[in-house]
Amino acid sequence: MRIEHAFDFGHVTLYDLYLIGEAHFGVHFGEAELRATLTWAQPHYREPFGYISVRTHDHSRDLSAYRILSEYTHVLASLAVVHPKGDPYRIGELERKIAIRYLKIALFDSTEDAVAWTVQLVKNARAQPR
């Protein structure tokens, strides 16, 4: 499966085991944007899936948005955050400390590494009895 969707704040591509989302340059990404992404994606997945957030154009992120992750833990297996240019302000580490309350999260420098990690976690989650 490969389904692409454009939002006014960014774009999302769905794959069999995960989705990849990337916000547009200059966008403030908060609870409304995270909820819109997950609400749109959830019907496409009958089993747990992973979320890969690529932060190429990351401008502003509301970390309190992660509190809504508790509403999706039954279908969301993991969150991978990719900072292709590194994370000089250590925002990713702060995100990890917040989001880990709700699900497995890891930080990556490359999308390829994030995909490999996500695929493994999602396959493990799907193998568990529900």
N, C-alpha and C. Protein backbone atom coordinates (compact mmCIF):
# COMPACT_ATOMS: atom_id res chain seq x y z
N MET A 1 0.85 -1.18 0.00
CA MET A 1 0.00 0.00 0.00
C MET A 1 0.90 1.24 0.00
N ARG A 2 0.50 2.21 -0.76
CA ARG A 2 1.13 3.53 -0.72
C ARG A 2 0.03 4.54 -1.04
N ILE A 3 -0.34 5.30 -0.02
CA ILE A 3 -1.39 6.30 -0.17
C ILE A 3 -0.81 7.63 0.30
N GLU A 4 -0.92 8.64 -0.54
CA GLU A 4 -0.40 9.95 -0.17
C GLU A 4 -1.56 10.92 0.07
N HIS A 5 -1.35 11.82 1.02
CA HIS A 5 -2.37 12.82 1.31
C HIS A 5 -1.67 14.14 1.66
N ALA A 6 -2.19 15.21 1.10
CA ALA A 6 -1.65 16.55 1.39
C ALA A 6 -2.61 17.28 2.33
N PHE A 7 -2.06 17.75 3.43
CA PHE A 7 -2.78 18.62 4.35
C PHE A 7 -2.25 20.03 4.12
N ASP A 8 -2.93 21.03 4.65
CA ASP A 8 -2.42 22.39 4.51
C ASP A 8 -1.15 22.59 5.33
N PHE A 9 -0.89 21.74 6.32
CA PHE A 9 0.28 21.85 7.17
C PHE A 9 1.43 20.93 6.77
N GLY A 10 1.19 19.98 5.87
CA GLY A 10 2.25 19.05 5.45
C GLY A 10 1.67 17.91 4.63
N HIS A 11 2.47 16.86 4.46
CA HIS A 11 1.99 15.72 3.70
C HIS A 11 2.32 14.42 4.44
N VAL A 12 1.50 13.40 4.14
CA VAL A 12 1.62 12.10 4.78
C VAL A 12 1.59 11.03 3.71
N THR A 13 2.44 10.04 3.84
CA THR A 13 2.42 8.88 2.96
C THR A 13 2.24 7.64 3.82
N LEU A 14 1.21 6.85 3.48
CA LEU A 14 0.94 5.62 4.20
C LEU A 14 1.58 4.45 3.47
N TYR A 15 2.18 3.55 4.22
CA TYR A 15 2.71 2.30 3.72
C TYR A 15 2.05 1.18 4.51
N ASP A 16 2.34 -0.06 4.19
CA ASP A 16 1.69 -1.19 4.85
C ASP A 16 1.85 -1.17 6.36
N LEU A 17 3.03 -0.87 6.85
CA LEU A 17 3.31 -0.98 8.28
C LEU A 17 3.48 0.35 9.00
N TYR A 18 3.57 1.43 8.27
CA TYR A 18 3.88 2.73 8.89
C TYR A 18 3.44 3.87 8.00
N LEU A 19 3.43 5.05 8.57
CA LEU A 19 3.22 6.27 7.80
C LEU A 19 4.42 7.18 8.00
N ILE A 20 4.67 8.01 7.01
CA ILE A 20 5.72 9.02 7.10
C ILE A 20 5.05 10.38 6.91
N GLY A 21 5.24 11.25 7.90
CA GLY A 21 4.68 12.59 7.84
C GLY A 21 5.77 13.64 7.87
N GLU A 22 5.54 14.70 7.12
CA GLU A 22 6.50 15.80 7.10
C GLU A 22 5.73 17.12 7.00
N ALA A 23 5.99 18.02 7.93
CA ALA A 23 5.33 19.32 7.93
C ALA A 23 6.00 20.25 6.91
N HIS A 24 5.21 21.18 6.39
CA HIS A 24 5.75 22.18 5.48
C HIS A 24 6.62 23.18 6.25
N PHE A 25 7.50 23.83 5.55
CA PHE A 25 8.39 24.84 6.14
C PHE A 25 7.55 25.93 6.81
N GLY A 26 7.92 26.29 8.02
CA GLY A 26 7.29 27.39 8.73
C GLY A 26 6.00 27.05 9.45
N VAL A 27 5.59 25.79 9.41
CA VAL A 27 4.33 25.39 10.04
C VAL A 27 4.53 25.13 11.53
N HIS A 28 3.59 25.60 12.33
CA HIS A 28 3.54 25.23 13.75
C HIS A 28 2.73 23.96 13.84
N PHE A 29 3.32 22.88 14.33
CA PHE A 29 2.67 21.58 14.40
C PHE A 29 2.23 21.33 15.83
N GLY A 30 0.93 21.26 16.02
CA GLY A 30 0.38 21.08 17.36
C GLY A 30 -0.63 19.96 17.43
N GLU A 31 -1.47 20.02 18.45
CA GLU A 31 -2.45 18.96 18.68
C GLU A 31 -3.41 18.79 17.51
N ALA A 32 -3.89 19.88 16.93
CA ALA A 32 -4.85 19.80 15.82
C ALA A 32 -4.22 19.07 14.62
N GLU A 33 -2.97 19.37 14.33
CA GLU A 33 -2.30 18.74 13.20
C GLU A 33 -2.03 17.26 13.45
N LEU A 34 -1.59 16.94 14.66
CA LEU A 34 -1.34 15.54 15.00
C LEU A 34 -2.65 14.74 14.98
N ARG A 35 -3.70 15.30 15.54
CA ARG A 35 -5.00 14.62 15.55
C ARG A 35 -5.52 14.43 14.12
N ALA A 36 -5.39 15.45 13.28
CA ALA A 36 -5.85 15.34 11.88
C ALA A 36 -5.10 14.22 11.16
N THR A 37 -3.79 14.15 11.38
CA THR A 37 -2.98 13.10 10.73
C THR A 37 -3.42 11.72 11.18
N LEU A 38 -3.52 11.51 12.49
CA LEU A 38 -3.87 10.19 13.01
C LEU A 38 -5.31 9.82 12.70
N THR A 39 -6.22 10.77 12.74
CA THR A 39 -7.62 10.50 12.43
C THR A 39 -7.77 10.10 10.97
N TRP A 40 -7.03 10.75 10.08
CA TRP A 40 -7.08 10.40 8.65
C TRP A 40 -6.45 9.03 8.42
N ALA A 41 -5.35 8.74 9.09
CA ALA A 41 -4.60 7.50 8.83
C ALA A 41 -5.24 6.26 9.44
N GLN A 42 -5.81 6.39 10.62
CA GLN A 42 -6.28 5.23 11.38
C GLN A 42 -7.21 4.30 10.59
N PRO A 43 -8.18 4.78 9.82
CA PRO A 43 -9.06 3.84 9.10
C PRO A 43 -8.33 2.98 8.05
N HIS A 44 -7.16 3.38 7.64
CA HIS A 44 -6.40 2.61 6.65
C HIS A 44 -5.66 1.43 7.28
N TYR A 45 -5.60 1.39 8.59
CA TYR A 45 -4.86 0.33 9.29
C TYR A 45 -5.81 -0.45 10.18
N ARG A 46 -5.88 -1.75 9.95
CA ARG A 46 -6.69 -2.63 10.81
C ARG A 46 -5.84 -3.20 11.95
N GLU A 47 -4.54 -3.06 11.84
CA GLU A 47 -3.61 -3.57 12.83
C GLU A 47 -2.68 -2.42 13.25
N PRO A 48 -1.90 -2.61 14.31
CA PRO A 48 -0.98 -1.55 14.74
C PRO A 48 -0.05 -1.07 13.60
N PHE A 49 0.28 0.21 13.65
CA PHE A 49 1.18 0.80 12.66
C PHE A 49 2.14 1.75 13.36
N GLY A 50 3.17 2.16 12.64
CA GLY A 50 4.16 3.08 13.17
C GLY A 50 4.04 4.45 12.52
N TYR A 51 4.47 5.46 13.24
CA TYR A 51 4.45 6.84 12.77
C TYR A 51 5.89 7.31 12.70
N ILE A 52 6.31 7.75 11.52
CA ILE A 52 7.65 8.30 11.33
C ILE A 52 7.48 9.78 10.99
N SER A 53 8.02 10.63 11.84
CA SER A 53 7.94 12.07 11.66
C SER A 53 9.29 12.58 11.17
N VAL A 54 9.32 13.04 9.92
CA VAL A 54 10.56 13.55 9.33
C VAL A 54 10.58 15.07 9.52
N ARG A 55 11.61 15.56 10.17
CA ARG A 55 11.67 16.96 10.58
C ARG A 55 12.59 17.82 9.71
N THR A 56 12.55 17.61 8.41
CA THR A 56 13.39 18.38 7.50
C THR A 56 13.10 19.87 7.59
N HIS A 57 11.83 20.22 7.65
CA HIS A 57 11.42 21.63 7.66
C HIS A 57 10.82 22.04 8.99
N ASP A 58 11.16 21.34 10.04
CA ASP A 58 10.53 21.60 11.32
C ASP A 58 10.80 23.04 11.76
N HIS A 59 9.73 23.71 12.10
CA HIS A 59 9.86 25.11 12.52
C HIS A 59 9.43 25.27 13.97
N SER A 60 8.21 24.82 14.27
CA SER A 60 7.67 25.00 15.60
C SER A 60 6.78 23.81 15.93
N ARG A 61 6.99 23.24 17.09
CA ARG A 61 6.25 22.03 17.48
C ARG A 61 5.74 22.20 18.91
N ASP A 62 4.46 21.93 19.09
CA ASP A 62 3.84 22.00 20.40
C ASP A 62 3.94 20.61 21.03
N LEU A 63 4.86 20.46 21.97
CA LEU A 63 5.10 19.15 22.57
C LEU A 63 3.94 18.67 23.42
N SER A 64 3.07 19.56 23.83
CA SER A 64 1.90 19.12 24.61
C SER A 64 0.93 18.31 23.75
N ALA A 65 1.08 18.37 22.44
CA ALA A 65 0.21 17.59 21.54
C ALA A 65 0.34 16.10 21.79
N TYR A 66 1.47 15.68 22.34
CA TYR A 66 1.68 14.25 22.56
C TYR A 66 0.71 13.64 23.54
N ARG A 67 0.03 14.45 24.32
CA ARG A 67 -0.93 13.88 25.27
C ARG A 67 -2.06 13.13 24.56
N ILE A 68 -2.34 13.47 23.31
CA ILE A 68 -3.41 12.75 22.60
C ILE A 68 -2.96 11.36 22.14
N LEU A 69 -1.67 11.07 22.24
CA LEU A 69 -1.20 9.74 21.83
C LEU A 69 -1.88 8.64 22.64
N SER A 70 -2.26 8.94 23.86
CA SER A 70 -2.93 7.92 24.69
C SER A 70 -4.23 7.44 24.05
N GLU A 71 -4.83 8.25 23.20
CA GLU A 71 -6.06 7.87 22.51
C GLU A 71 -5.81 6.89 21.36
N TYR A 72 -4.55 6.75 20.96
CA TYR A 72 -4.23 5.94 19.79
C TYR A 72 -3.32 4.76 20.10
N THR A 73 -3.05 4.49 21.37
CA THR A 73 -2.10 3.42 21.71
C THR A 73 -2.58 2.04 21.27
N HIS A 74 -3.86 1.87 21.04
CA HIS A 74 -4.36 0.58 20.57
C HIS A 74 -4.00 0.31 19.11
N VAL A 75 -3.66 1.33 18.35
CA VAL A 75 -3.28 1.15 16.94
C VAL A 75 -1.89 1.68 16.61
N LEU A 76 -1.35 2.52 17.46
CA LEU A 76 -0.05 3.12 17.17
C LEU A 76 1.04 2.37 17.93
N ALA A 77 1.92 1.70 17.20
CA ALA A 77 2.94 0.85 17.82
C ALA A 77 4.19 1.63 18.20
N SER A 78 4.51 2.69 17.45
CA SER A 78 5.78 3.39 17.70
C SER A 78 5.77 4.76 17.05
N LEU A 79 6.71 5.59 17.50
CA LEU A 79 6.94 6.90 16.92
C LEU A 79 8.44 7.05 16.69
N ALA A 80 8.83 7.28 15.46
CA ALA A 80 10.23 7.54 15.12
C ALA A 80 10.34 8.99 14.67
N VAL A 81 11.30 9.71 15.22
CA VAL A 81 11.51 11.11 14.88
C VAL A 81 12.85 11.20 14.15
N VAL A 82 12.80 11.75 12.94
CA VAL A 82 13.99 11.87 12.10
C VAL A 82 14.37 13.34 11.98
N HIS A 83 15.57 13.65 12.41
CA HIS A 83 16.15 14.98 12.24
C HIS A 83 17.31 14.82 11.26
N PRO A 84 17.07 14.93 9.95
CA PRO A 84 18.13 14.67 8.97
C PRO A 84 19.37 15.54 9.13
N LYS A 85 19.20 16.74 9.68
CA LYS A 85 20.34 17.64 9.85
C LYS A 85 20.86 17.61 11.27
N GLY A 86 20.47 16.58 12.01
CA GLY A 86 20.84 16.53 13.41
C GLY A 86 19.82 17.28 14.24
N ASP A 87 20.02 17.33 15.52
CA ASP A 87 19.09 17.97 16.44
C ASP A 87 19.88 18.89 17.36
N PRO A 88 20.35 20.04 16.82
CA PRO A 88 21.24 20.90 17.61
C PRO A 88 20.61 21.45 18.88
N TYR A 89 19.30 21.55 18.93
CA TYR A 89 18.64 22.12 20.12
C TYR A 89 18.13 21.03 21.07
N ARG A 90 18.39 19.77 20.73
CA ARG A 90 18.00 18.62 21.54
C ARG A 90 16.50 18.57 21.80
N ILE A 91 15.73 19.10 20.85
CA ILE A 91 14.27 19.04 20.95
C ILE A 91 13.81 17.60 20.90
N GLY A 92 14.43 16.80 20.05
CA GLY A 92 14.05 15.40 19.93
C GLY A 92 14.17 14.66 21.24
N GLU A 93 15.19 14.95 22.00
CA GLU A 93 15.37 14.28 23.29
C GLU A 93 14.25 14.68 24.26
N LEU A 94 13.86 15.93 24.24
CA LEU A 94 12.74 16.37 25.07
C LEU A 94 11.45 15.69 24.62
N GLU A 95 11.24 15.60 23.32
CA GLU A 95 10.06 14.89 22.79
C GLU A 95 10.05 13.45 23.26
N ARG A 96 11.20 12.80 23.20
CA ARG A 96 11.30 11.40 23.60
C ARG A 96 10.87 11.24 25.05
N LYS A 97 11.31 12.14 25.91
CA LYS A 97 10.96 12.05 27.33
C LYS A 97 9.46 12.22 27.56
N ILE A 98 8.81 13.02 26.73
CA ILE A 98 7.37 13.23 26.86
C ILE A 98 6.60 12.07 26.24
N ALA A 99 6.92 11.73 25.01
CA ALA A 99 6.14 10.73 24.27
C ALA A 99 6.32 9.32 24.80
N ILE A 100 7.45 9.02 25.46
CA ILE A 100 7.70 7.67 25.93
C ILE A 100 6.67 7.24 26.97
N ARG A 101 5.96 8.19 27.52
CA ARG A 101 4.88 7.85 28.46
C ARG A 101 3.76 7.08 27.76
N TYR A 102 3.64 7.28 26.45
CA TYR A 102 2.52 6.74 25.70
C TYR A 102 2.89 5.57 24.78
N LEU A 103 4.07 5.58 24.21
CA LEU A 103 4.47 4.53 23.29
C LEU A 103 5.97 4.53 23.09
N LYS A 104 6.46 3.56 22.32
CA LYS A 104 7.89 3.47 22.05
C LYS A 104 8.27 4.57 21.07
N ILE A 105 9.36 5.27 21.38
CA ILE A 105 9.82 6.37 20.54
C ILE A 105 11.34 6.29 20.45
N ALA A 106 11.86 6.67 19.29
CA ALA A 106 13.31 6.72 19.10
C ALA A 106 13.63 7.86 18.15
N LEU A 107 14.86 8.36 18.25
CA LEU A 107 15.34 9.48 17.43
C LEU A 107 16.35 8.95 16.42
N PHE A 108 16.29 9.48 15.20
CA PHE A 108 17.16 9.01 14.13
C PHE A 108 17.70 10.17 13.31
N ASP A 109 18.85 9.93 12.66
CA ASP A 109 19.42 10.89 11.73
C ASP A 109 19.01 10.59 10.29
N SER A 110 18.50 9.37 10.03
CA SER A 110 18.10 9.02 8.67
C SER A 110 16.74 8.33 8.66
N THR A 111 16.00 8.57 7.59
CA THR A 111 14.70 7.94 7.43
C THR A 111 14.85 6.43 7.29
N GLU A 112 15.90 5.98 6.62
CA GLU A 112 16.12 4.54 6.42
C GLU A 112 16.24 3.82 7.76
N ASP A 113 17.00 4.38 8.68
CA ASP A 113 17.15 3.77 10.01
C ASP A 113 15.82 3.79 10.76
N ALA A 114 15.08 4.87 10.63
CA ALA A 114 13.77 4.96 11.29
C ALA A 114 12.80 3.92 10.74
N VAL A 115 12.82 3.71 9.43
CA VAL A 115 11.94 2.71 8.82
C VAL A 115 12.30 1.31 9.32
N ALA A 116 13.58 0.98 9.36
CA ALA A 116 14.00 -0.36 9.82
C ALA A 116 13.54 -0.61 11.26
N TRP A 117 13.74 0.37 12.13
CA TRP A 117 13.32 0.23 13.53
C TRP A 117 11.81 0.10 13.64
N THR A 118 11.09 0.94 12.91
CA THR A 118 9.64 0.95 12.95
C THR A 118 9.06 -0.37 12.45
N VAL A 119 9.56 -0.86 11.34
CA VAL A 119 9.06 -2.12 10.77
C VAL A 119 9.20 -3.25 11.79
N GLN A 120 10.34 -3.33 12.46
CA GLN A 120 10.54 -4.38 13.45
C GLN A 120 9.53 -4.27 14.60
N LEU A 121 9.34 -3.07 15.12
CA LEU A 121 8.39 -2.89 16.22
C LEU A 121 6.96 -3.19 15.80
N VAL A 122 6.59 -2.76 14.61
CA VAL A 122 5.22 -2.99 14.15
C VAL A 122 4.98 -4.49 13.92
N LYS A 123 5.95 -5.17 13.34
CA LYS A 123 5.80 -6.62 13.14
C LYS A 123 5.66 -7.32 14.49
N ASN A 124 6.43 -6.91 15.47
CA ASN A 124 6.32 -7.50 16.81
C ASN A 124 4.94 -7.21 17.42
N ALA A 125 4.46 -5.97 17.26
CA ALA A 125 3.15 -5.60 17.81
C ALA A 125 2.03 -6.38 17.12
N ARG A 126 2.15 -6.58 15.84
CA ARG A 126 1.11 -7.32 15.13
C ARG A 126 1.12 -8.80 15.46
N ALA A 127 2.25 -9.32 15.90
CA ALA A 127 2.37 -10.73 16.25
C ALA A 127 1.78 -11.02 17.63
N GLN A 128 1.58 -9.99 18.43
CA GLN A 128 1.03 -10.16 19.78
C GLN A 128 -0.47 -10.43 19.70
N PRO A 129 -0.97 -11.32 20.56
CA PRO A 129 -2.42 -11.53 20.58
C PRO A 129 -3.14 -10.29 21.09
N ARG A 130 -4.30 -10.01 20.52
CA ARG A 130 -5.05 -8.83 20.94
C ARG A 130 -6.29 -9.21 21.68
